[in-house]
C-alpha atoms as a PDB file:
ATOM      1  CA  MET A   1     104.675 108.969  95.144  1.00  0.00           C
ATOM      2  CA  ASN A   2     104.503 105.378  93.908  1.00  0.00           C
ATOM      3  CA  CYS A   3     101.816 104.166  91.516  1.00  0.00           C
ATOM      4  CA  GLY A   4     100.654 100.733  90.430  1.00  0.00           C
ATOM      5  CA  ILE A   5     101.876  99.620  87.070  1.00  0.00           C
ATOM      6  CA  ALA A   6      99.531 100.996  84.351  1.00  0.00           C
ATOM      7  CA  ARG A   7      97.641 102.723  87.156  1.00  0.00           C
ATOM      8  CA  ARG A   8      96.203  99.455  88.355  1.00  0.00           C
ATOM      9  CA  THR A   9      94.690  99.174  91.792  1.00  0.00           C
ATOM     10  CA  LEU A  10      97.262  98.449  94.504  1.00  0.00           C
ATOM     11  CA  PHE A  11      94.941  98.014  97.461  1.00  0.00           C
ATOM     12  CA  GLU A  12      91.838  95.957  96.803  1.00  0.00           C
ATOM     13  CA  SER A  13      91.129  94.914 100.390  1.00  0.00           C
ATOM     14  CA  GLY A  14      91.954  95.602 103.989  1.00  0.00           C
ATOM     15  CA  ALA A  15      94.321  92.636 103.870  1.00  0.00           C
ATOM     16  CA  ASP A  16      96.294  94.352 101.055  1.00  0.00           C
ATOM     17  CA  VAL A  17      96.625  97.523 103.127  1.00  0.00           C
ATOM     18  CA  ARG A  18      97.763  95.592 106.234  1.00  0.00           C
ATOM     19  CA  TYR A  19     100.334  93.678 104.181  1.00  0.00           C
ATOM     20  CA  PHE A  20     101.633  96.904 102.655  1.00  0.00           C
ATOM     21  CA  LEU A  21     101.887  98.722 105.994  1.00  0.00           C
ATOM     22  CA  ALA A  22     103.818  95.779 107.469  1.00  0.00           C
ATOM     23  CA  GLN A  23     106.694  96.555 105.074  1.00  0.00           C
ATOM     24  CA  PRO A  24     107.617 100.047 106.353  1.00  0.00           C
ATOM     25  CA  ALA A  25     106.768  98.879 109.873  1.00  0.00           C
ATOM     26  CA  ARG A  26     109.671  96.432 109.648  1.00  0.00           C
ATOM     27  CA  ALA A  27     111.988  99.313 108.673  1.00  0.00           C
ATOM     28  CA  VAL A  28     110.632 101.415 111.587  1.00  0.00           C
ATOM     29  CA  ARG A  29     111.195  98.553 114.073  1.00  0.00           C
ATOM     30  CA  ALA A  30     114.764  98.100 112.687  1.00  0.00           C
ATOM     31  CA  GLY A  31     115.416 101.792 113.368  1.00  0.00           C
ATOM     32  CA  TRP A  32     116.122 102.589 109.695  1.00  0.00           C
ATOM     33  CA  ILE A  33     113.292 105.097 109.220  1.00  0.00           C
ATOM     34  CA  GLU A  34     110.673 107.147 111.079  1.00  0.00           C
ATOM     35  CA  VAL A  35     107.374 107.534 109.305  1.00  0.00           C
ATOM     36  CA  GLN A  36     106.259 111.135 109.495  1.00  0.00           C
ATOM     37  CA  ALA A  37     103.149 110.838 107.373  1.00  0.00           C
ATOM     38  CA  PHE A  38     101.550 108.454 104.873  1.00  0.00           C
ATOM     39  CA  CYS A  39      98.563 108.428 102.573  1.00  0.00           C
ATOM     40  CA  LEU A  40      97.249 105.291 100.894  1.00  0.00           C
ATOM     41  CA  MET A  41      94.833 105.431  97.977  1.00  0.00           C
ATOM     42  CA  THR A  42      93.621 102.533  95.831  1.00  0.00           C
ATOM     43  CA  THR A  43      96.046 103.294  93.005  1.00  0.00           C
ATOM     44  CA  HIS A  44      99.032 104.903  94.754  1.00  0.00           C
ATOM     45  CA  PHE A  45     100.602 105.895  98.013  1.00  0.00           C
ATOM     46  CA  HIS A  46     102.733 108.624  99.583  1.00  0.00           C
ATOM     47  CA  LEU A  47     105.227 108.060 102.384  1.00  0.00           C
ATOM     48  CA  LEU A  48     107.096 110.834 104.152  1.00  0.00           C
ATOM     49  CA  VAL A  49     109.979 109.337 106.125  1.00  0.00           C
ATOM     50  CA  ARG A  50     112.987 110.493 108.111  1.00  0.00           C
ATOM     51  CA  CYS A  51     116.168 108.428 108.232  1.00  0.00           C
ATOM     52  CA  PRO A  52     117.818 109.344 111.551  1.00  0.00           C
ATOM     53  CA  ALA A  53     120.602 106.821 111.281  1.00  0.00           C
ATOM     54  CA  GLY A  54     121.339 107.601 107.664  1.00  0.00           C
ATOM     55  CA  ALA A  55     120.040 104.166 106.622  1.00  0.00           C
ATOM     56  CA  ARG A  56     117.893 105.357 103.725  1.00  0.00           C
ATOM     57  CA  SER A  57     119.551 103.075 101.220  1.00  0.00           C
ATOM     58  CA  THR A  58     119.086 100.070 103.475  1.00  0.00           C
ATOM     59  CA  ALA A  59     115.378 100.900 103.987  1.00  0.00           C
ATOM     60  CA  MET A  60     114.833 101.568 100.269  1.00  0.00           C
ATOM     61  CA  ARG A  61     116.406  98.226  99.343  1.00  0.00           C
ATOM     62  CA  ALA A  62     113.848  96.361 101.516  1.00  0.00           C
ATOM     63  CA  PRO A  63     111.364  94.594  99.255  1.00  0.00           C
ATOM     64  CA  LEU A  64     108.136  96.311  98.382  1.00  0.00           C
ATOM     65  CA  PRO A  65     104.868  94.389  98.172  1.00  0.00           C
ATOM     66  CA  ASP A  66     104.260  92.610  94.855  1.00  0.00           C
ATOM     67  CA  GLY A  67     102.859  95.010  92.182  1.00  0.00           C
ATOM     68  CA  CYS A  68     104.652  98.059  93.592  1.00  0.00           C
ATOM     69  CA  ALA A  69     107.575  99.515  91.774  1.00  0.00           C
ATOM     70  CA  PRO A  70     109.373 102.664  92.871  1.00  0.00           C
ATOM     71  CA  GLY A  71     108.837 105.400  90.274  1.00  0.00           C
ATOM     72  CA  ALA A  72     106.399 103.275  88.194  1.00  0.00           C
ATOM     73  CA  ARG A  73     103.965 105.900  87.006  1.00  0.00           C
ATOM     74  CA  GLY A  74     102.185 103.941  84.301  1.00  0.00           C
ATOM     75  CA  ASP A  75     102.524 106.902  81.903  1.00  0.00           C
END
């Protein structure tokens, strides 16, 4: 799970959601990951992915949308 910094809203509009989903879509098209499931909420998201070619580190190094930080829980 990834959360917005200080639990701030990540997705304020449909455009935000489309921009966010374009990021893993690039990794899918490149063949780095397969998205098995995802869930987007306003303050956080869940992605369940499979890395058939063992390219997890390559996919994880791909930039996340602004305001998203892996492991940022805002605790």
